[in-house]
Amino acid sequence: MRLALHVPWFEAAANAVNAASVLLAARNSVQTWWTGILGCALFALLFFDARLYADTLLQGFFIGTSALGWWQWRRGWHGRELPVTHATSQALLLSCAAALAVALGYGWLLRRFTNAYAPFIDSTVLTFSVLAQLLLMRRHYESWWVWLLVDTMSVALFAVRGLWVTAALYLAFWVNAVVALVCWRRLVTARPVRSEPLTQ
């Protein structure tokens, strides 16, 4: 079933809202979360229409975690602002291995049971986006390295599907992630160096 949303104005609107959300995240602004919820809802419709089912499912995850991230960032950490910290190396390695394993499994399911386009790439974008989002919710610096990987894959995937505006947006996201790495590096080095697990 197609929703007839594969039109330039709808794609442009979805990209504009998501661009605002990502730029706010790079600036370490709590406003990133409510704009992200709106942008992900629009993207979910767009990706379903393009038969990118893993990406469609991912938007539902983003909506839920954006609501949680909004609450976490506003609530703070033990009565204080949630600080920018490093995740532990062990937690990152285990999480990346888990994300890759799930991507392979889900990609196989999509290939076997659906008409999904590029199921393994689509699934890898999904699982590593989940990892990046979880890191971002905890204000871990390493989230931006994972977003760089996701953005690199997404540019190629969306371009091949003819979603040129979205591909251009993810190219801008790639640049934004580089800028965020520089900005968040200053924030994390402004505090005593410490590592935190992915979840508390």
C-alpha atoms as a PDB file:
ATOM      1  CA  MET A   1       0.000   0.000   0.000  1.00  0.00           C
ATOM      2  CA  ARG A   2       1.357   3.410  -0.984  1.00  0.00           C
ATOM      3  CA  LEU A   3       0.351   6.606   0.741  1.00  0.00           C
ATOM      4  CA  ALA A   4       1.246   8.926  -2.167  1.00  0.00           C
ATOM      5  CA  LEU A   5       3.637  10.857   0.089  1.00  0.00           C
ATOM      6  CA  HIS A   6       6.641  10.476  -2.207  1.00  0.00           C
ATOM      7  CA  VAL A   7       6.281  14.119  -3.231  1.00  0.00           C
ATOM      8  CA  PRO A   8       8.807  16.933  -2.904  1.00  0.00           C
ATOM      9  CA  TRP A   9       6.841  19.172  -0.526  1.00  0.00           C
ATOM     10  CA  PHE A  10       6.186  16.407   2.013  1.00  0.00           C
ATOM     11  CA  GLU A  11       9.791  15.193   1.924  1.00  0.00           C
ATOM     12  CA  ALA A  12      11.003  18.792   2.291  1.00  0.00           C
ATOM     13  CA  ALA A  13       8.735  19.392   5.313  1.00  0.00           C
ATOM     14  CA  ALA A  14       9.895  16.210   7.048  1.00  0.00           C
ATOM     15  CA  ASN A  15      13.521  17.103   6.404  1.00  0.00           C
ATOM     16  CA  ALA A  16      13.145  20.688   7.628  1.00  0.00           C
ATOM     17  CA  VAL A  17      11.743  19.616  10.994  1.00  0.00           C
ATOM     18  CA  ASN A  18      14.378  16.896  11.449  1.00  0.00           C
ATOM     19  CA  ALA A  19      17.149  19.293  10.463  1.00  0.00           C
ATOM     20  CA  ALA A  20      16.032  21.680  13.199  1.00  0.00           C
ATOM     21  CA  SER A  21      16.049  18.840  15.724  1.00  0.00           C
ATOM     22  CA  VAL A  22      19.561  17.674  14.831  1.00  0.00           C
ATOM     23  CA  LEU A  23      20.973  21.205  14.876  1.00  0.00           C
ATOM     24  CA  LEU A  24      19.483  21.709  18.344  1.00  0.00           C
ATOM     25  CA  ALA A  25      21.068  18.435  19.503  1.00  0.00           C
ATOM     26  CA  ALA A  26      24.485  19.589  18.325  1.00  0.00           C
ATOM     27  CA  ARG A  27      23.962  22.770  20.354  1.00  0.00           C
ATOM     28  CA  ASN A  28      23.155  20.610  23.404  1.00  0.00           C
ATOM     29  CA  SER A  29      19.639  22.114  23.568  1.00  0.00           C
ATOM     30  CA  VAL A  30      16.742  20.305  25.242  1.00  0.00           C
ATOM     31  CA  GLN A  31      14.458  21.603  22.476  1.00  0.00           C
ATOM     32  CA  THR A  32      15.917  18.887  20.228  1.00  0.00           C
ATOM     33  CA  TRP A  33      13.497  16.341  21.690  1.00  0.00           C
ATOM     34  CA  TRP A  34      10.059  17.789  20.895  1.00  0.00           C
ATOM     35  CA  THR A  35      11.133  18.803  17.401  1.00  0.00           C
ATOM     36  CA  GLY A  36      12.520  15.293  16.978  1.00  0.00           C
ATOM     37  CA  ILE A  37       9.170  13.732  17.879  1.00  0.00           C
ATOM     38  CA  LEU A  38       7.393  15.752  15.187  1.00  0.00           C
ATOM     39  CA  GLY A  39      10.096  15.133  12.596  1.00  0.00           C
ATOM     40  CA  CYS A  40      10.166  11.388  13.221  1.00  0.00           C
ATOM     41  CA  ALA A  41       6.405  11.119  12.783  1.00  0.00           C
ATOM     42  CA  LEU A  42       6.727  12.741   9.348  1.00  0.00           C
ATOM     43  CA  PHE A  43       9.692  10.538   8.429  1.00  0.00           C
ATOM     44  CA  ALA A  44       7.776   7.395   9.442  1.00  0.00           C
ATOM     45  CA  LEU A  45       5.125   8.168   6.835  1.00  0.00           C
ATOM     46  CA  LEU A  46       7.716   9.013   4.186  1.00  0.00           C
ATOM     47  CA  PHE A  47       9.810   5.873   4.721  1.00  0.00           C
ATOM     48  CA  PHE A  48       6.786   3.566   4.787  1.00  0.00           C
ATOM     49  CA  ASP A  49       5.787   4.954   1.420  1.00  0.00           C
ATOM     50  CA  ALA A  50       9.330   4.244   0.119  1.00  0.00           C
ATOM     51  CA  ARG A  51       9.213   0.625   1.450  1.00  0.00           C
ATOM     52  CA  LEU A  52      12.069   1.273   3.901  1.00  0.00           C
ATOM     53  CA  TYR A  53      10.381  -0.677   6.658  1.00  0.00           C
ATOM     54  CA  ALA A  54      13.321  -0.841   9.058  1.00  0.00           C
ATOM     55  CA  ASP A  55      13.611   2.933   8.879  1.00  0.00           C
ATOM     56  CA  THR A  56       9.867   3.226   9.451  1.00  0.00           C
ATOM     57  CA  LEU A  57      10.113   1.112  12.594  1.00  0.00           C
ATOM     58  CA  LEU A  58      13.098   3.162  13.692  1.00  0.00           C
ATOM     59  CA  GLN A  59      11.017   6.341  13.702  1.00  0.00           C
ATOM     60  CA  GLY A  60       8.637   4.791  16.240  1.00  0.00           C
ATOM     61  CA  PHE A  61      11.619   4.033  18.462  1.00  0.00           C
ATOM     62  CA  PHE A  62      12.855   7.604  18.058  1.00  0.00           C
ATOM     63  CA  ILE A  63       9.479   9.033  19.046  1.00  0.00           C
ATOM     64  CA  GLY A  64       9.436   7.005  22.268  1.00  0.00           C
ATOM     65  CA  THR A  65      13.061   7.663  23.193  1.00  0.00           C
ATOM     66  CA  SER A  66      12.752  11.345  22.324  1.00  0.00           C
ATOM     67  CA  ALA A  67       9.974  11.640  24.884  1.00  0.00           C
ATOM     68  CA  LEU A  68      12.199   9.884  27.437  1.00  0.00           C
ATOM     69  CA  GLY A  69      15.245  11.953  26.476  1.00  0.00           C
ATOM     70  CA  TRP A  70      13.222  15.153  26.812  1.00  0.00           C
ATOM     71  CA  TRP A  71      12.227  14.109  30.322  1.00  0.00           C
ATOM     72  CA  GLN A  72      15.796  13.049  31.253  1.00  0.00           C
ATOM     73  CA  TRP A  73      17.433  16.229  30.028  1.00  0.00           C
ATOM     74  CA  ARG A  74      14.866  18.442  31.763  1.00  0.00           C
ATOM     75  CA  ARG A  75      14.930  16.445  34.995  1.00  0.00           C
ATOM     76  CA  GLY A  76      18.704  16.540  35.165  1.00  0.00           C
ATOM     77  CA  TRP A  77      21.069  14.237  37.005  1.00  0.00           C
ATOM     78  CA  HIS A  78      20.567  14.009  40.780  1.00  0.00           C
ATOM     79  CA  GLY A  79      19.121  17.506  40.774  1.00  0.00           C
ATOM     80  CA  ARG A  80      21.843  18.858  38.461  1.00  0.00           C
ATOM     81  CA  GLU A  81      22.125  19.277  34.711  1.00  0.00           C
ATOM     82  CA  LEU A  82      22.866  15.973  32.973  1.00  0.00           C
ATOM     83  CA  PRO A  83      26.575  16.316  32.088  1.00  0.00           C
ATOM     84  CA  VAL A  84      28.310  15.422  28.833  1.00  0.00           C
ATOM     85  CA  THR A  85      30.495  12.380  29.569  1.00  0.00           C
ATOM     86  CA  HIS A  86      32.329   9.523  27.862  1.00  0.00           C
ATOM     87  CA  ALA A  87      30.823   6.045  27.636  1.00  0.00           C
ATOM     88  CA  THR A  88      33.099   3.183  28.699  1.00  0.00           C
ATOM     89  CA  SER A  89      35.085   1.394  25.984  1.00  0.00           C
ATOM     90  CA  GLN A  90      33.775  -1.994  27.072  1.00  0.00           C
ATOM     91  CA  ALA A  91      30.154  -0.861  26.899  1.00  0.00           C
ATOM     92  CA  LEU A  92      30.708   0.649  23.447  1.00  0.00           C
ATOM     93  CA  LEU A  93      32.305  -2.510  22.054  1.00  0.00           C
ATOM     94  CA  LEU A  94      29.584  -4.759  23.415  1.00  0.00           C
ATOM     95  CA  SER A  95      26.864  -2.424  22.196  1.00  0.00           C
ATOM     96  CA  CYS A  96      28.342  -2.212  18.695  1.00  0.00           C
ATOM     97  CA  ALA A  97      28.617  -6.006  18.518  1.00  0.00           C
ATOM     98  CA  ALA A  98      24.996  -6.367  19.624  1.00  0.00           C
ATOM     99  CA  ALA A  99      23.837  -3.752  17.097  1.00  0.00           C
ATOM    100  CA  LEU A 100      25.617  -5.592  14.288  1.00  0.00           C
ATOM    101  CA  ALA A 101      24.181  -8.965  15.306  1.00  0.00           C
ATOM    102  CA  VAL A 102      20.640  -7.588  15.458  1.00  0.00           C
ATOM    103  CA  ALA A 103      21.122  -5.874  12.092  1.00  0.00           C
ATOM    104  CA  LEU A 104      22.073  -9.166  10.473  1.00  0.00           C
ATOM    105  CA  GLY A 105      19.119 -10.983  12.019  1.00  0.00           C
ATOM    106  CA  TYR A 106      16.565  -8.329  11.209  1.00  0.00           C
ATOM    107  CA  GLY A 107      17.988  -7.871   7.725  1.00  0.00           C
ATOM    108  CA  TRP A 108      17.500 -11.586   7.063  1.00  0.00           C
ATOM    109  CA  LEU A 109      13.879 -11.377   8.246  1.00  0.00           C
ATOM    110  CA  LEU A 110      13.184  -8.410   5.987  1.00  0.00           C
ATOM    111  CA  ARG A 111      14.802 -10.147   3.027  1.00  0.00           C
ATOM    112  CA  ARG A 112      12.916 -13.378   3.627  1.00  0.00           C
ATOM    113  CA  PHE A 113       9.446 -12.068   4.417  1.00  0.00           C
ATOM    114  CA  THR A 114       9.064  -8.597   2.872  1.00  0.00           C
ATOM    115  CA  ASN A 115       9.777  -6.662  -0.316  1.00  0.00           C
ATOM    116  CA  ALA A 116      12.152  -4.351   1.555  1.00  0.00           C
ATOM    117  CA  TYR A 117      14.834  -2.581  -0.448  1.00  0.00           C
ATOM    118  CA  ALA A 118      18.462  -3.194   0.699  1.00  0.00           C
ATOM    119  CA  PRO A 119      17.307  -4.967   3.885  1.00  0.00           C
ATOM    120  CA  PHE A 120      20.752  -5.453   5.466  1.00  0.00           C
ATOM    121  CA  ILE A 121      21.848  -1.842   4.958  1.00  0.00           C
ATOM    122  CA  ASP A 122      18.459  -0.595   6.094  1.00  0.00           C
ATOM    123  CA  SER A 123      18.686  -2.782   9.206  1.00  0.00           C
ATOM    124  CA  THR A 124      22.214  -1.602   9.999  1.00  0.00           C
ATOM    125  CA  VAL A 125      21.035   2.001   9.805  1.00  0.00           C
ATOM    126  CA  LEU A 126      18.244   1.050  12.202  1.00  0.00           C
ATOM    127  CA  THR A 127      20.338  -0.707  14.857  1.00  0.00           C
ATOM    128  CA  PHE A 128      23.186   1.781  14.927  1.00  0.00           C
ATOM    129  CA  SER A 129      20.702   4.660  15.006  1.00  0.00           C
ATOM    130  CA  VAL A 130      19.218   3.023  18.097  1.00  0.00           C
ATOM    131  CA  LEU A 131      22.677   2.854  19.652  1.00  0.00           C
ATOM    132  CA  ALA A 132      23.424   6.483  18.763  1.00  0.00           C
ATOM    133  CA  GLN A 133      20.089   7.610  20.208  1.00  0.00           C
ATOM    134  CA  LEU A 134      20.706   5.767  23.490  1.00  0.00           C
ATOM    135  CA  LEU A 135      24.131   7.392  23.761  1.00  0.00           C
ATOM    136  CA  LEU A 136      22.633  10.814  23.000  1.00  0.00           C
ATOM    137  CA  MET A 137      19.957  10.361  25.679  1.00  0.00           C
ATOM    138  CA  ARG A 138      22.752   9.893  28.225  1.00  0.00           C
ATOM    139  CA  ARG A 139      24.637  12.868  26.733  1.00  0.00           C
ATOM    140  CA  HIS A 140      27.587  10.627  25.855  1.00  0.00           C
ATOM    141  CA  TYR A 141      30.148  12.235  23.553  1.00  0.00           C
ATOM    142  CA  GLU A 142      30.552   9.048  21.519  1.00  0.00           C
ATOM    143  CA  SER A 143      26.996   9.335  20.190  1.00  0.00           C
ATOM    144  CA  TRP A 144      28.289  11.627  17.458  1.00  0.00           C
ATOM    145  CA  TRP A 145      30.818   9.055  16.181  1.00  0.00           C
ATOM    146  CA  VAL A 146      27.966   6.578  15.788  1.00  0.00           C
ATOM    147  CA  TRP A 147      25.820   9.205  14.080  1.00  0.00           C
ATOM    148  CA  LEU A 148      28.653   9.762  11.591  1.00  0.00           C
ATOM    149  CA  LEU A 149      28.503   6.077  10.638  1.00  0.00           C
ATOM    150  CA  VAL A 150      24.705   6.149  10.350  1.00  0.00           C
ATOM    151  CA  ASP A 151      24.725   9.326   8.260  1.00  0.00           C
ATOM    152  CA  THR A 152      27.316   7.888   5.866  1.00  0.00           C
ATOM    153  CA  MET A 153      25.173   4.816   5.161  1.00  0.00           C
ATOM    154  CA  SER A 154      21.956   6.819   5.018  1.00  0.00           C
ATOM    155  CA  VAL A 155      23.184   9.234   2.345  1.00  0.00           C
ATOM    156  CA  ALA A 156      23.841   6.367  -0.056  1.00  0.00           C
ATOM    157  CA  LEU A 157      20.639   4.483   0.832  1.00  0.00           C
ATOM    158  CA  PHE A 158      18.304   7.436   0.377  1.00  0.00           C
ATOM    159  CA  ALA A 159      20.008   8.594  -2.816  1.00  0.00           C
ATOM    160  CA  VAL A 160      19.549   5.176  -4.407  1.00  0.00           C
ATOM    161  CA  ARG A 161      15.837   5.261  -3.487  1.00  0.00           C
ATOM    162  CA  GLY A 162      15.461   8.669  -5.146  1.00  0.00           C
ATOM    163  CA  LEU A 163      14.918  10.523  -1.870  1.00  0.00           C
ATOM    164  CA  TRP A 164      17.297  13.266  -2.913  1.00  0.00           C
ATOM    165  CA  VAL A 165      16.190  15.874  -0.395  1.00  0.00           C
ATOM    166  CA  THR A 166      16.555  13.351   2.422  1.00  0.00           C
ATOM    167  CA  ALA A 167      19.961  12.259   1.114  1.00  0.00           C
ATOM    168  CA  ALA A 168      21.073  15.895   1.061  1.00  0.00           C
ATOM    169  CA  LEU A 169      19.774  16.341   4.590  1.00  0.00           C
ATOM    170  CA  TYR A 170      21.764  13.370   5.844  1.00  0.00           C
ATOM    171  CA  LEU A 171      24.848  14.766   4.159  1.00  0.00           C
ATOM    172  CA  ALA A 172      24.223  17.945   6.163  1.00  0.00           C
ATOM    173  CA  PHE A 173      23.724  15.743   9.249  1.00  0.00           C
ATOM    174  CA  TRP A 174      27.163  14.239   8.552  1.00  0.00           C
ATOM    175  CA  VAL A 175      28.718  17.707   8.606  1.00  0.00           C
ATOM    176  CA  ASN A 176      26.679  18.595  11.684  1.00  0.00           C
ATOM    177  CA  ALA A 177      27.982  15.493  13.479  1.00  0.00           C
ATOM    178  CA  VAL A 178      31.566  16.601  12.822  1.00  0.00           C
ATOM    179  CA  VAL A 179      30.770  20.037  14.254  1.00  0.00           C
ATOM    180  CA  ALA A 180      29.028  18.423  17.229  1.00  0.00           C
ATOM    181  CA  LEU A 181      32.095  16.287  17.934  1.00  0.00           C
ATOM    182  CA  VAL A 182      34.148  19.467  18.253  1.00  0.00           C
ATOM    183  CA  CYS A 183      31.546  21.289  20.377  1.00  0.00           C
ATOM    184  CA  TRP A 184      30.810  18.362  22.693  1.00  0.00           C
ATOM    185  CA  ARG A 185      34.534  17.669  23.065  1.00  0.00           C
ATOM    186  CA  ARG A 186      34.869  21.094  24.641  1.00  0.00           C
ATOM    187  CA  LEU A 187      31.973  20.335  26.979  1.00  0.00           C
ATOM    188  CA  VAL A 188      33.363  16.985  28.101  1.00  0.00           C
ATOM    189  CA  THR A 189      36.894  18.330  28.620  1.00  0.00           C
ATOM    190  CA  ALA A 190      35.526  21.229  30.650  1.00  0.00           C
ATOM    191  CA  ARG A 191      34.636  18.690  33.377  1.00  0.00           C
ATOM    192  CA  PRO A 192      36.737  16.098  35.205  1.00  0.00           C
ATOM    193  CA  VAL A 193      37.309  13.194  32.798  1.00  0.00           C
ATOM    194  CA  ARG A 194      35.151  10.211  33.624  1.00  0.00           C
ATOM    195  CA  SER A 195      33.363   7.409  31.835  1.00  0.00           C
ATOM    196  CA  GLU A 196      29.788   6.311  32.337  1.00  0.00           C
ATOM    197  CA  PRO A 197      28.002   3.115  31.335  1.00  0.00           C
ATOM    198  CA  LEU A 198      25.376   3.409  28.604  1.00  0.00           C
ATOM    199  CA  THR A 199      22.599   3.086  31.171  1.00  0.00           C
ATOM    200  CA  GLN A 200      22.395   3.797  34.861  1.00  0.00           C
END
